[in-house]
């Protein structure tokens, strides 16, 4: 898919669609992390045939996570960090490409960062 450029208004206009998807994604990721911890002791014993409800649910959760990431990214943005709920929107600022950056829970896209910087390099728009 070709890179899509967003204005700040366009990125913010997508948040009502992206935010509930990100909420489901984070909820599913948390559930999968809990199930992974439950099954971890079993994975250490190579003699045990892993099957049943927990592995089946984990597989479903991982598939759901992948679908949700794809659905969010179908708008043209990039899911940058599943743990933090970070989404970046490519834009042009002062003649160079940067990312508008939104984190789940923030009321609006209000920060940007250089392509090579990431979340820690965020600056107010």
PDB file of N, CA and C in Angstrom:
ATOM      1  N   UNK A   1       0.842  -1.172   0.000  1.00  0.00           N
ATOM      2  CA  UNK A   1       0.000   0.000   0.000  1.00  0.00           C
ATOM      3  C   UNK A   1       0.889   1.238   0.000  1.00  0.00           C
ATOM      4  N   UNK A   2       0.569   2.193  -0.839  1.00  0.00           N
ATOM      5  CA  UNK A   2       1.355   3.419  -0.924  1.00  0.00           C
ATOM      6  C   UNK A   2       1.157   4.256   0.335  1.00  0.00           C
ATOM      7  N   UNK A   3       2.183   5.007   0.664  1.00  0.00           N
ATOM      8  CA  UNK A   3       2.110   5.872   1.838  1.00  0.00           C
ATOM      9  C   UNK A   3       1.017   6.907   1.637  1.00  0.00           C
ATOM     10  N   UNK A   4       0.284   7.144   2.691  1.00  0.00           N
ATOM     11  CA  UNK A   4      -0.771   8.155   2.661  1.00  0.00           C
ATOM     12  C   UNK A   4      -0.377   9.274   3.611  1.00  0.00           C
ATOM     13  N   UNK A   5      -0.544  10.490   3.148  1.00  0.00           N
ATOM     14  CA  UNK A   5      -0.271  11.648   3.992  1.00  0.00           C
ATOM     15  C   UNK A   5      -1.573  12.129   4.621  1.00  0.00           C
ATOM     16  N   UNK A   6      -1.488  12.528   5.875  1.00  0.00           N
ATOM     17  CA  UNK A   6      -2.636  13.031   6.617  1.00  0.00           C
ATOM     18  C   UNK A   6      -2.401  14.467   7.032  1.00  0.00           C
ATOM     19  N   UNK A   7      -3.469  15.241   7.053  1.00  0.00           N
ATOM     20  CA  UNK A   7      -3.425  16.516   7.740  1.00  0.00           C
ATOM     21  C   UNK A   7      -3.793  16.225   9.196  1.00  0.00           C
ATOM     22  N   UNK A   8      -3.561  17.171  10.068  1.00  0.00           N
ATOM     23  CA  UNK A   8      -3.941  17.000  11.470  1.00  0.00           C
ATOM     24  C   UNK A   8      -5.447  16.782  11.586  1.00  0.00           C
ATOM     25  N   UNK A   9      -6.222  17.549  10.834  1.00  0.00           N
ATOM     26  CA  UNK A   9      -7.680  17.405  10.871  1.00  0.00           C
ATOM     27  C   UNK A   9      -8.123  16.020  10.384  1.00  0.00           C
ATOM     28  N   UNK A  10      -7.485  15.512   9.335  1.00  0.00           N
ATOM     29  CA  UNK A  10      -7.832  14.176   8.827  1.00  0.00           C
ATOM     30  C   UNK A  10      -7.514  13.099   9.854  1.00  0.00           C
ATOM     31  N   UNK A  11      -6.360  13.204  10.511  1.00  0.00           N
ATOM     32  CA  UNK A  11      -5.986  12.222  11.532  1.00  0.00           C
ATOM     33  C   UNK A  11      -6.987  12.261  12.684  1.00  0.00           C
ATOM     34  N   UNK A  12      -7.308  13.445  13.150  1.00  0.00           N
ATOM     35  CA  UNK A  12      -8.267  13.573  14.249  1.00  0.00           C
ATOM     36  C   UNK A  12      -9.657  13.092  13.854  1.00  0.00           C
ATOM     37  N   UNK A  13     -10.043  13.285  12.611  1.00  0.00           N
ATOM     38  CA  UNK A  13     -11.356  12.843  12.136  1.00  0.00           C
ATOM     39  C   UNK A  13     -11.483  11.319  12.151  1.00  0.00           C
ATOM     40  N   UNK A  14     -10.359  10.613  12.079  1.00  0.00           N
ATOM     41  CA  UNK A  14     -10.389   9.144  12.106  1.00  0.00           C
ATOM     42  C   UNK A  14     -10.471   8.563  13.520  1.00  0.00           C
ATOM     43  N   UNK A  15     -10.158   9.353  14.513  1.00  0.00           N
ATOM     44  CA  UNK A  15     -10.108   8.816  15.883  1.00  0.00           C
ATOM     45  C   UNK A  15     -11.410   8.163  16.339  1.00  0.00           C
ATOM     46  N   UNK A  16     -12.591   8.695  16.010  1.00  0.00           N
ATOM     47  CA  UNK A  16     -13.806   7.997  16.431  1.00  0.00           C
ATOM     48  C   UNK A  16     -13.934   6.582  15.861  1.00  0.00           C
ATOM     49  N   UNK A  17     -13.295   6.316  14.742  1.00  0.00           N
ATOM     50  CA  UNK A  17     -13.301   4.972  14.173  1.00  0.00           C
ATOM     51  C   UNK A  17     -12.149   4.125  14.730  1.00  0.00           C
ATOM     52  N   UNK A  18     -11.001   4.743  14.919  1.00  0.00           N
ATOM     53  CA  UNK A  18      -9.811   4.002  15.356  1.00  0.00           C
ATOM     54  C   UNK A  18      -9.850   3.682  16.849  1.00  0.00           C
ATOM     55  N   UNK A  19     -10.337   4.610  17.658  1.00  0.00           N
ATOM     56  CA  UNK A  19     -10.291   4.425  19.113  1.00  0.00           C
ATOM     57  C   UNK A  19     -11.001   3.153  19.592  1.00  0.00           C
ATOM     58  N   UNK A  20     -12.237   2.847  19.137  1.00  0.00           N
ATOM     59  CA  UNK A  20     -12.863   1.601  19.604  1.00  0.00           C
ATOM     60  C   UNK A  20     -12.138   0.345  19.115  1.00  0.00           C
ATOM     61  N   UNK A  21     -11.541   0.428  17.934  1.00  0.00           N
ATOM     62  CA  UNK A  21     -10.757  -0.711  17.437  1.00  0.00           C
ATOM     63  C   UNK A  21      -9.527  -0.922  18.313  1.00  0.00           C
ATOM     64  N   UNK A  22      -8.873   0.183  18.684  1.00  0.00           N
ATOM     65  CA  UNK A  22      -7.695   0.086  19.546  1.00  0.00           C
ATOM     66  C   UNK A  22      -8.089  -0.424  20.930  1.00  0.00           C
ATOM     67  N   UNK A  23      -9.248  -0.020  21.432  1.00  0.00           N
ATOM     68  CA  UNK A  23      -9.719  -0.519  22.733  1.00  0.00           C
ATOM     69  C   UNK A  23      -9.878  -2.037  22.690  1.00  0.00           C
ATOM     70  N   UNK A  24     -10.495  -2.544  21.624  1.00  0.00           N
ATOM     71  CA  UNK A  24     -10.657  -4.004  21.479  1.00  0.00           C
ATOM     72  C   UNK A  24      -9.301  -4.685  21.326  1.00  0.00           C
ATOM     73  N   UNK A  25      -8.408  -4.071  20.571  1.00  0.00           N
ATOM     74  CA  UNK A  25      -7.086  -4.644  20.362  1.00  0.00           C
ATOM     75  C   UNK A  25      -6.337  -4.757  21.692  1.00  0.00           C
ATOM     76  N   UNK A  26      -6.336  -3.698  22.492  1.00  0.00           N
ATOM     77  CA  UNK A  26      -5.629  -3.713  23.776  1.00  0.00           C
ATOM     78  C   UNK A  26      -6.261  -4.707  24.748  1.00  0.00           C
ATOM     79  N   UNK A  27      -7.581  -4.784  24.739  1.00  0.00           N
ATOM     80  CA  UNK A  27      -8.285  -5.741  25.605  1.00  0.00           C
ATOM     81  C   UNK A  27      -7.928  -7.181  25.215  1.00  0.00           C
ATOM     82  N   UNK A  28      -7.914  -7.452  23.930  1.00  0.00           N
ATOM     83  CA  UNK A  28      -7.575  -8.795  23.442  1.00  0.00           C
ATOM     84  C   UNK A  28      -6.115  -9.121  23.738  1.00  0.00           C
ATOM     85  N   UNK A  29      -5.227  -8.131  23.569  1.00  0.00           N
ATOM     86  CA  UNK A  29      -3.808  -8.342  23.877  1.00  0.00           C
ATOM     87  C   UNK A  29      -3.620  -8.652  25.351  1.00  0.00           C
ATOM     88  N   UNK A  30      -4.311  -7.929  26.218  1.00  0.00           N
ATOM     89  CA  UNK A  30      -4.204  -8.184  27.664  1.00  0.00           C
ATOM     90  C   UNK A  30      -4.695  -9.584  28.010  1.00  0.00           C
ATOM     91  N   UNK A  31      -5.798  -9.985  27.405  1.00  0.00           N
ATOM     92  CA  UNK A  31      -6.344 -11.323  27.655  1.00  0.00           C
ATOM     93  C   UNK A  31      -5.363 -12.400  27.193  1.00  0.00           C
ATOM     94  N   UNK A  32      -4.786 -12.206  26.017  1.00  0.00           N
ATOM     95  CA  UNK A  32      -3.818 -13.174  25.497  1.00  0.00           C
ATOM     96  C   UNK A  32      -2.586 -13.240  26.390  1.00  0.00           C
ATOM     97  N   UNK A  33      -2.152 -12.104  26.917  1.00  0.00           N
ATOM     98  CA  UNK A  33      -0.985 -12.090  27.816  1.00  0.00           C
ATOM     99  C   UNK A  33      -1.286 -12.878  29.088  1.00  0.00           C
ATOM    100  N   UNK A  34      -2.497 -12.715  29.640  1.00  0.00           N
ATOM    101  CA  UNK A  34      -2.877 -13.479  30.844  1.00  0.00           C
ATOM    102  C   UNK A  34      -2.917 -14.980  30.555  1.00  0.00           C
ATOM    103  N   UNK A  35      -3.506 -15.349  29.421  1.00  0.00           N
ATOM    104  CA  UNK A  35      -3.577 -16.770  29.062  1.00  0.00           C
ATOM    105  C   UNK A  35      -2.187 -17.347  28.830  1.00  0.00           C
ATOM    106  N   UNK A  36      -1.301 -16.560  28.234  1.00  0.00           N
ATOM    107  CA  UNK A  36       0.072 -17.020  27.992  1.00  0.00           C
ATOM    108  C   UNK A  36       0.779 -17.335  29.307  1.00  0.00           C
ATOM    109  N   UNK A  37       0.542 -16.503  30.316  1.00  0.00           N
ATOM    110  CA  UNK A  37       1.156 -16.750  31.628  1.00  0.00           C
ATOM    111  C   UNK A  37       0.606 -18.026  32.256  1.00  0.00           C
ATOM    112  N   UNK A  38      -0.690 -18.295  32.054  1.00  0.00           N
ATOM    113  CA  UNK A  38      -1.302 -19.517  32.587  1.00  0.00           C
ATOM    114  C   UNK A  38      -0.697 -20.772  31.960  1.00  0.00           C
ATOM    115  N   UNK A  39      -0.409 -20.691  30.687  1.00  0.00           N
ATOM    116  CA  UNK A  39       0.066 -21.870  29.965  1.00  0.00           C
ATOM    117  C   UNK A  39       1.585 -22.031  30.023  1.00  0.00           C
ATOM    118  N   UNK A  40       2.289 -20.998  30.443  1.00  0.00           N
ATOM    119  CA  UNK A  40       3.753 -21.008  30.459  1.00  0.00           C
ATOM    120  C   UNK A  40       4.350 -22.215  31.188  1.00  0.00           C
ATOM    121  N   UNK A  41       3.878 -22.586  32.388  1.00  0.00           N
ATOM    122  CA  UNK A  41       4.465 -23.755  33.061  1.00  0.00           C
ATOM    123  C   UNK A  41       4.307 -25.041  32.252  1.00  0.00           C
ATOM    124  N   UNK A  42       3.216 -25.162  31.523  1.00  0.00           N
ATOM    125  CA  UNK A  42       3.004 -26.361  30.710  1.00  0.00           C
ATOM    126  C   UNK A  42       3.986 -26.426  29.546  1.00  0.00           C
ATOM    127  N   UNK A  43       4.345 -25.265  29.008  1.00  0.00           N
ATOM    128  CA  UNK A  43       5.264 -25.238  27.870  1.00  0.00           C
ATOM    129  C   UNK A  43       6.672 -25.681  28.258  1.00  0.00           C
ATOM    130  N   UNK A  44       6.999 -25.553  29.522  1.00  0.00           N
ATOM    131  CA  UNK A  44       8.326 -25.956  29.987  1.00  0.00           C
ATOM    132  C   UNK A  44       8.483 -27.480  30.015  1.00  0.00           C
ATOM    133  N   UNK A  45       7.390 -28.203  30.072  1.00  0.00           N
ATOM    134  CA  UNK A  45       7.429 -29.672  30.125  1.00  0.00           C
ATOM    135  C   UNK A  45       7.172 -30.224  28.728  1.00  0.00           C
ATOM    136  N   UNK A  46       8.232 -30.665  28.068  1.00  0.00           N
ATOM    137  CA  UNK A  46       8.151 -31.139  26.685  1.00  0.00           C
ATOM    138  C   UNK A  46       7.310 -32.408  26.549  1.00  0.00           C
ATOM    139  N   UNK A  47       7.034 -33.096  27.658  1.00  0.00           N
ATOM    140  CA  UNK A  47       6.270 -34.341  27.585  1.00  0.00           C
ATOM    141  C   UNK A  47       4.770 -34.096  27.474  1.00  0.00           C
ATOM    142  N   UNK A  48       4.332 -32.880  27.777  1.00  0.00           N
ATOM    143  CA  UNK A  48       2.904 -32.590  27.784  1.00  0.00           C
ATOM    144  C   UNK A  48       2.458 -32.171  26.386  1.00  0.00           C
ATOM    145  N   UNK A  49       1.381 -32.784  25.925  1.00  0.00           N
ATOM    146  CA  UNK A  49       0.772 -32.417  24.648  1.00  0.00           C
ATOM    147  C   UNK A  49      -0.129 -31.217  24.908  1.00  0.00           C
ATOM    148  N   UNK A  50       0.265 -30.078  24.381  1.00  0.00           N
ATOM    149  CA  UNK A  50      -0.489 -28.859  24.626  1.00  0.00           C
ATOM    150  C   UNK A  50      -1.691 -28.821  23.692  1.00  0.00           C
ATOM    151  N   UNK A  51      -2.832 -28.774  24.274  1.00  0.00           N
ATOM    152  CA  UNK A  51      -4.080 -28.675  23.530  1.00  0.00           C
ATOM    153  C   UNK A  51      -5.158 -28.221  24.489  1.00  0.00           C
ATOM    154  N   UNK A  52      -6.340 -28.093  23.992  1.00  0.00           N
ATOM    155  CA  UNK A  52      -7.436 -27.732  24.867  1.00  0.00           C
ATOM    156  C   UNK A  52      -7.856 -26.292  24.737  1.00  0.00           C
ATOM    157  N   UNK A  53      -8.577 -25.839  25.764  1.00  0.00           N
ATOM    158  CA  UNK A  53      -9.246 -24.544  25.713  1.00  0.00           C
ATOM    159  C   UNK A  53      -8.281 -23.363  25.674  1.00  0.00           C
ATOM    160  N   UNK A  54      -7.242 -23.370  26.511  1.00  0.00           N
ATOM    161  CA  UNK A  54      -6.357 -22.204  26.580  1.00  0.00           C
ATOM    162  C   UNK A  54      -5.589 -22.000  25.273  1.00  0.00           C
ATOM    163  N   UNK A  55      -4.925 -23.023  24.746  1.00  0.00           N
ATOM    164  CA  UNK A  55      -4.231 -22.795  23.463  1.00  0.00           C
ATOM    165  C   UNK A  55      -5.185 -22.411  22.332  1.00  0.00           C
ATOM    166  N   UNK A  56      -6.371 -22.993  22.352  1.00  0.00           N
ATOM    167  CA  UNK A  56      -7.358 -22.666  21.324  1.00  0.00           C
ATOM    168  C   UNK A  56      -7.772 -21.195  21.442  1.00  0.00           C
ATOM    169  N   UNK A  57      -8.017 -20.741  22.663  1.00  0.00           N
ATOM    170  CA  UNK A  57      -8.383 -19.336  22.878  1.00  0.00           C
ATOM    171  C   UNK A  57      -7.242 -18.408  22.507  1.00  0.00           C
ATOM    172  N   UNK A  58      -6.005 -18.797  22.832  1.00  0.00           N
ATOM    173  CA  UNK A  58      -4.842 -17.981  22.461  1.00  0.00           C
ATOM    174  C   UNK A  58      -4.748 -17.819  20.950  1.00  0.00           C
ATOM    175  N   UNK A  59      -4.948 -18.892  20.227  1.00  0.00           N
ATOM    176  CA  UNK A  59      -4.895 -18.827  18.768  1.00  0.00           C
ATOM    177  C   UNK A  59      -5.969 -17.876  18.240  1.00  0.00           C
ATOM    178  N   UNK A  60      -7.161 -17.942  18.820  1.00  0.00           N
ATOM    179  CA  UNK A  60      -8.234 -17.035  18.405  1.00  0.00           C
ATOM    180  C   UNK A  60      -7.882 -15.582  18.735  1.00  0.00           C
ATOM    181  N   UNK A  61      -7.300 -15.375  19.915  1.00  0.00           N
ATOM    182  CA  UNK A  61      -6.916 -14.016  20.313  1.00  0.00           C
ATOM    183  C   UNK A  61      -5.841 -13.453  19.396  1.00  0.00           C
ATOM    184  N   UNK A  62      -4.836 -14.252  19.072  1.00  0.00           N
ATOM    185  CA  UNK A  62      -3.771 -13.780  18.184  1.00  0.00           C
ATOM    186  C   UNK A  62      -4.331 -13.437  16.802  1.00  0.00           C
ATOM    187  N   UNK A  63      -5.265 -14.254  16.312  1.00  0.00           N
ATOM    188  CA  UNK A  63      -5.896 -13.965  15.018  1.00  0.00           C
ATOM    189  C   UNK A  63      -6.705 -12.668  15.101  1.00  0.00           C
ATOM    190  N   UNK A  64      -7.411 -12.465  16.212  1.00  0.00           N
ATOM    191  CA  UNK A  64      -8.193 -11.236  16.390  1.00  0.00           C
ATOM    192  C   UNK A  64      -7.285 -10.017  16.449  1.00  0.00           C
ATOM    193  N   UNK A  65      -6.161 -10.130  17.136  1.00  0.00           N
ATOM    194  CA  UNK A  65      -5.196  -9.024  17.212  1.00  0.00           C
ATOM    195  C   UNK A  65      -4.709  -8.668  15.813  1.00  0.00           C
ATOM    196  N   UNK A  66      -4.361  -9.665  15.043  1.00  0.00           N
ATOM    197  CA  UNK A  66      -3.880  -9.419  13.680  1.00  0.00           C
ATOM    198  C   UNK A  66      -4.962  -8.738  12.836  1.00  0.00           C
ATOM    199  N   UNK A  67      -6.208  -9.195  12.949  1.00  0.00           N
ATOM    200  CA  UNK A  67      -7.305  -8.584  12.188  1.00  0.00           C
ATOM    201  C   UNK A  67      -7.512  -7.125  12.603  1.00  0.00           C
ATOM    202  N   UNK A  68      -7.458  -6.856  13.905  1.00  0.00           N
ATOM    203  CA  UNK A  68      -7.665  -5.484  14.390  1.00  0.00           C
ATOM    204  C   UNK A  68      -6.545  -4.553  13.934  1.00  0.00           C
ATOM    205  N   UNK A  69      -5.306  -5.030  13.973  1.00  0.00           N
ATOM    206  CA  UNK A  69      -4.182  -4.218  13.474  1.00  0.00           C
ATOM    207  C   UNK A  69      -4.396  -3.906  11.997  1.00  0.00           C
ATOM    208  N   UNK A  70      -4.767  -4.915  11.232  1.00  0.00           N
ATOM    209  CA  UNK A  70      -5.000  -4.703   9.799  1.00  0.00           C
ATOM    210  C   UNK A  70      -6.146  -3.733   9.553  1.00  0.00           C
ATOM    211  N   UNK A  71      -7.202  -3.834  10.368  1.00  0.00           N
ATOM    212  CA  UNK A  71      -8.345  -2.940  10.197  1.00  0.00           C
ATOM    213  C   UNK A  71      -7.952  -1.489  10.497  1.00  0.00           C
ATOM    214  N   UNK A  72      -7.194  -1.287  11.577  1.00  0.00           N
ATOM    215  CA  UNK A  72      -6.732   0.067  11.899  1.00  0.00           C
ATOM    216  C   UNK A  72      -5.835   0.592  10.785  1.00  0.00           C
ATOM    217  N   UNK A  73      -4.911  -0.230  10.326  1.00  0.00           N
ATOM    218  CA  UNK A  73      -3.964   0.214   9.300  1.00  0.00           C
ATOM    219  C   UNK A  73      -4.623   0.387   7.936  1.00  0.00           C
ATOM    220  N   UNK A  74      -5.809  -0.177   7.752  1.00  0.00           N
ATOM    221  CA  UNK A  74      -6.507  -0.011   6.472  1.00  0.00           C
ATOM    222  C   UNK A  74      -6.904   1.450   6.231  1.00  0.00           C
ATOM    223  N   UNK A  75      -6.909   2.265   7.280  1.00  0.00           N
ATOM    224  CA  UNK A  75      -7.196   3.694   7.134  1.00  0.00           C
ATOM    225  C   UNK A  75      -5.984   4.448   6.581  1.00  0.00           C
ATOM    226  N   UNK A  76      -4.810   3.793   6.562  1.00  0.00           N
ATOM    227  CA  UNK A  76      -3.599   4.426   6.044  1.00  0.00           C
ATOM    228  C   UNK A  76      -2.611   4.821   7.122  1.00  0.00           C
ATOM    229  N   UNK A  77      -2.963   4.597   8.372  1.00  0.00           N
ATOM    230  CA  UNK A  77      -2.055   4.911   9.481  1.00  0.00           C
ATOM    231  C   UNK A  77      -1.256   3.659   9.854  1.00  0.00           C
ATOM    232  N   UNK A  78      -0.393   3.789  10.856  1.00  0.00           N
ATOM    233  CA  UNK A  78       0.497   2.691  11.244  1.00  0.00           C
ATOM    234  C   UNK A  78       0.341   2.433  12.737  1.00  0.00           C
ATOM    235  N   UNK A  79       0.046   1.182  13.097  1.00  0.00           N
ATOM    236  CA  UNK A  79       0.056   0.806  14.508  1.00  0.00           C
ATOM    237  C   UNK A  79       1.514   0.613  14.882  1.00  0.00           C
ATOM    238  N   UNK A  80       2.015   1.466  15.779  1.00  0.00           N
ATOM    239  CA  UNK A  80       3.436   1.461  16.114  1.00  0.00           C
ATOM    240  C   UNK A  80       3.775   0.615  17.334  1.00  0.00           C
ATOM    241  N   UNK A  81       2.860   0.533  18.304  1.00  0.00           N
ATOM    242  CA  UNK A  81       3.167  -0.184  19.538  1.00  0.00           C
ATOM    243  C   UNK A  81       1.881  -0.732  20.119  1.00  0.00           C
ATOM    244  N   UNK A  82       1.762  -2.048  20.135  1.00  0.00           N
ATOM    245  CA  UNK A  82       0.555  -2.686  20.668  1.00  0.00           C
ATOM    246  C   UNK A  82       0.422  -2.503  22.169  1.00  0.00           C
ATOM    247  N   UNK A  83       1.514  -2.493  22.882  1.00  0.00           N
ATOM    248  CA  UNK A  83       1.451  -2.377  24.341  1.00  0.00           C
ATOM    249  C   UNK A  83       0.970  -0.999  24.775  1.00  0.00           C
ATOM    250  N   UNK A  84       1.360   0.029  24.055  1.00  0.00           N
ATOM    251  CA  UNK A  84       1.014   1.399  24.431  1.00  0.00           C
ATOM    252  C   UNK A  84      -0.183   1.942  23.656  1.00  0.00           C
ATOM    253  N   UNK A  85      -0.627   1.226  22.634  1.00  0.00           N
ATOM    254  CA  UNK A  85      -1.727   1.723  21.825  1.00  0.00           C
ATOM    255  C   UNK A  85      -1.339   2.923  20.984  1.00  0.00           C
ATOM    256  N   UNK A  86      -0.143   2.878  20.390  1.00  0.00           N
ATOM    257  CA  UNK A  86       0.367   3.999  19.596  1.00  0.00           C
ATOM    258  C   UNK A  86       0.017   3.840  18.121  1.00  0.00           C
ATOM    259  N   UNK A  87      -0.435   4.939  17.544  1.00  0.00           N
ATOM    260  CA  UNK A  87      -0.748   4.982  16.115  1.00  0.00           C
ATOM    261  C   UNK A  87      -0.079   6.227  15.530  1.00  0.00           C
ATOM    262  N   UNK A  88       0.591   6.047  14.393  1.00  0.00           N
ATOM    263  CA  UNK A  88       1.246   7.155  13.697  1.00  0.00           C
ATOM    264  C   UNK A  88       0.558   7.419  12.363  1.00  0.00           C
ATOM    265  N   UNK A  89       0.532   8.696  11.987  1.00  0.00           N
ATOM    266  CA  UNK A  89      -0.047   9.155  10.730  1.00  0.00           C
ATOM    267  C   UNK A  89       1.032   9.945   9.990  1.00  0.00           C
ATOM    268  N   UNK A  90       1.414   9.491   8.827  1.00  0.00           N
ATOM    269  CA  UNK A  90       2.442  10.174   8.044  1.00  0.00           C
ATOM    270  C   UNK A  90       1.934  11.541   7.600  1.00  0.00           C
ATOM    271  N   UNK A  91       2.775  12.544   7.727  1.00  0.00           N
ATOM    272  CA  UNK A  91       2.425  13.896   7.297  1.00  0.00           C
ATOM    273  C   UNK A  91       3.674  14.603   6.809  1.00  0.00           C
ATOM    274  N   UNK A  92       3.472  15.755   6.225  1.00  0.00           N
ATOM    275  CA  UNK A  92       4.599  16.587   5.815  1.00  0.00           C
ATOM    276  C   UNK A  92       4.583  17.850   6.667  1.00  0.00           C
ATOM    277  N   UNK A  93       5.730  18.175   7.221  1.00  0.00           N
ATOM    278  CA  UNK A  93       5.857  19.360   8.081  1.00  0.00           C
ATOM    279  C   UNK A  93       7.156  20.065   7.706  1.00  0.00           C
ATOM    280  N   UNK A  94       7.060  21.310   7.346  1.00  0.00           N
ATOM    281  CA  UNK A  94       8.233  22.102   6.968  1.00  0.00           C
ATOM    282  C   UNK A  94       9.066  21.410   5.891  1.00  0.00           C
ATOM    283  N   UNK A  95       8.390  20.798   4.919  1.00  0.00           N
ATOM    284  CA  UNK A  95       9.075  20.182   3.789  1.00  0.00           C
ATOM    285  C   UNK A  95       9.696  18.823   4.053  1.00  0.00           C
ATOM    286  N   UNK A  96       9.405  18.206   5.200  1.00  0.00           N
ATOM    287  CA  UNK A  96       9.953  16.875   5.475  1.00  0.00           C
ATOM    288  C   UNK A  96       8.857  15.968   6.032  1.00  0.00           C
ATOM    289  N   UNK A  97       9.052  14.668   5.879  1.00  0.00           N
ATOM    290  CA  UNK A  97       8.091  13.704   6.389  1.00  0.00           C
ATOM    291  C   UNK A  97       8.295  13.510   7.887  1.00  0.00           C
ATOM    292  N   UNK A  98       7.197  13.547   8.624  1.00  0.00           N
ATOM    293  CA  UNK A  98       7.185  13.256  10.052  1.00  0.00           C
ATOM    294  C   UNK A  98       5.911  12.459  10.334  1.00  0.00           C
ATOM    295  N   UNK A  99       5.796  11.960  11.555  1.00  0.00           N
ATOM    296  CA  UNK A  99       4.585  11.258  11.956  1.00  0.00           C
ATOM    297  C   UNK A  99       3.796  12.089  12.954  1.00  0.00           C
ATOM    298  N   UNK A 100       2.511  12.245  12.691  1.00  0.00           N
ATOM    299  CA  UNK A 100       1.594  12.690  13.722  1.00  0.00           C
ATOM    300  C   UNK A 100       1.391  11.475  14.618  1.00  0.00           C
ATOM    301  N   UNK A 101       1.369  11.677  15.910  1.00  0.00           N
ATOM    302  CA  UNK A 101       1.389  10.551  16.844  1.00  0.00           C
ATOM    303  C   UNK A 101       0.217  10.636  17.820  1.00  0.00           C
ATOM    304  N   UNK A 102      -0.501   9.519  17.968  1.00  0.00           N
ATOM    305  CA  UNK A 102      -1.628   9.441  18.900  1.00  0.00           C
ATOM    306  C   UNK A 102      -1.460   8.200  19.762  1.00  0.00           C
ATOM    307  N   UNK A 103      -1.771   8.348  21.033  1.00  0.00           N
ATOM    308  CA  UNK A 103      -1.736   7.225  21.968  1.00  0.00           C
ATOM    309  C   UNK A 103      -3.143   7.007  22.497  1.00  0.00           C
ATOM    310  N   UNK A 104      -3.551   5.747  22.547  1.00  0.00           N
ATOM    311  CA  UNK A 104      -4.878   5.416  23.051  1.00  0.00           C
ATOM    312  C   UNK A 104      -5.103   6.105  24.398  1.00  0.00           C
ATOM    313  N   UNK A 105      -6.259   6.738  24.522  1.00  0.00           N
ATOM    314  CA  UNK A 105      -6.588   7.463  25.741  1.00  0.00           C
ATOM    315  C   UNK A 105      -6.422   8.965  25.604  1.00  0.00           C
ATOM    316  N   UNK A 106      -5.630   9.386  24.619  1.00  0.00           N
ATOM    317  CA  UNK A 106      -5.488  10.826  24.383  1.00  0.00           C
ATOM    318  C   UNK A 106      -6.728  11.319  23.648  1.00  0.00           C
ATOM    319  N   UNK A 107      -7.199  12.536  23.958  1.00  0.00           N
ATOM    320  CA  UNK A 107      -8.433  13.023  23.340  1.00  0.00           C
ATOM    321  C   UNK A 107      -8.283  13.402  21.865  1.00  0.00           C
ATOM    322  N   UNK A 108      -7.062  13.656  21.423  1.00  0.00           N
ATOM    323  CA  UNK A 108      -6.842  14.077  20.036  1.00  0.00           C
ATOM    324  C   UNK A 108      -5.389  13.817  19.650  1.00  0.00           C
ATOM    325  N   UNK A 109      -5.144  13.854  18.341  1.00  0.00           N
ATOM    326  CA  UNK A 109      -3.778  13.823  17.834  1.00  0.00           C
ATOM    327  C   UNK A 109      -3.209  15.212  18.081  1.00  0.00           C
ATOM    328  N   UNK A 110      -2.225  15.311  18.955  1.00  0.00           N
ATOM    329  CA  UNK A 110      -1.704  16.624  19.331  1.00  0.00           C
ATOM    330  C   UNK A 110      -0.182  16.669  19.334  1.00  0.00           C
ATOM    331  N   UNK A 111       0.454  15.583  18.853  1.00  0.00           N
ATOM    332  CA  UNK A 111       1.914  15.508  18.857  1.00  0.00           C
ATOM    333  C   UNK A 111       2.407  14.996  17.513  1.00  0.00           C
ATOM    334  N   UNK A 112       3.678  15.256  17.263  1.00  0.00           N
ATOM    335  CA  UNK A 112       4.349  14.680  16.093  1.00  0.00           C
ATOM    336  C   UNK A 112       5.755  14.291  16.522  1.00  0.00           C
ATOM    337  N   UNK A 113       6.405  13.469  15.702  1.00  0.00           N
ATOM    338  CA  UNK A 113       7.814  13.143  15.930  1.00  0.00           C
ATOM    339  C   UNK A 113       8.477  12.827  14.599  1.00  0.00           C
ATOM    340  N   UNK A 114       9.785  12.976  14.582  1.00  0.00           N
ATOM    341  CA  UNK A 114      10.563  12.648  13.387  1.00  0.00           C
ATOM    342  C   UNK A 114      10.410  11.152  13.096  1.00  0.00           C
ATOM    343  N   UNK A 115      10.595  10.766  11.852  1.00  0.00           N
ATOM    344  CA  UNK A 115      10.427   9.365  11.463  1.00  0.00           C
ATOM    345  C   UNK A 115      11.339   8.445  12.269  1.00  0.00           C
ATOM    346  N   UNK A 116      12.539   8.879  12.570  1.00  0.00           N
ATOM    347  CA  UNK A 116      13.524   8.037  13.250  1.00  0.00           C
ATOM    348  C   UNK A 116      13.461   8.151  14.777  1.00  0.00           C
ATOM    349  N   UNK A 117      12.626   9.025  15.299  1.00  0.00           N
ATOM    350  CA  UNK A 117      12.632   9.280  16.745  1.00  0.00           C
ATOM    351  C   UNK A 117      11.692   8.370  17.537  1.00  0.00           C
ATOM    352  N   UNK A 118      10.467   8.300  17.159  1.00  0.00           N
ATOM    353  CA  UNK A 118       9.513   7.527  17.930  1.00  0.00           C
ATOM    354  C   UNK A 118       8.881   8.316  19.047  1.00  0.00           C
ATOM    355  N   UNK A 119       8.151   7.604  19.902  1.00  0.00           N
ATOM    356  CA  UNK A 119       7.315   8.200  20.945  1.00  0.00           C
ATOM    357  C   UNK A 119       8.093   9.139  21.859  1.00  0.00           C
ATOM    358  N   UNK A 120       9.297   8.763  22.241  1.00  0.00           N
ATOM    359  CA  UNK A 120      10.071   9.587  23.168  1.00  0.00           C
ATOM    360  C   UNK A 120      10.485  10.927  22.573  1.00  0.00           C
ATOM    361  N   UNK A 121      10.421  11.050  21.252  1.00  0.00           N
ATOM    362  CA  UNK A 121      10.775  12.301  20.605  1.00  0.00           C
ATOM    363  C   UNK A 121       9.568  13.165  20.264  1.00  0.00           C
ATOM    364  N   UNK A 122       8.421  12.835  20.844  1.00  0.00           N
ATOM    365  CA  UNK A 122       7.196  13.583  20.521  1.00  0.00           C
ATOM    366  C   UNK A 122       7.298  15.058  20.942  1.00  0.00           C
ATOM    367  N   UNK A 123       6.717  15.879  20.070  1.00  0.00           N
ATOM    368  CA  UNK A 123       6.641  17.316  20.329  1.00  0.00           C
ATOM    369  C   UNK A 123       5.215  17.774  20.030  1.00  0.00           C
ATOM    370  N   UNK A 124       4.749  18.806  20.731  1.00  0.00           N
ATOM    371  CA  UNK A 124       3.398  19.317  20.426  1.00  0.00           C
ATOM    372  C   UNK A 124       3.300  19.802  18.984  1.00  0.00           C
ATOM    373  N   UNK A 125       2.160  19.594  18.370  1.00  0.00           N
ATOM    374  CA  UNK A 125       1.945  20.025  16.984  1.00  0.00           C
ATOM    375  C   UNK A 125       1.973  21.533  16.903  1.00  0.00           C
TER     376      UNK A 125
END
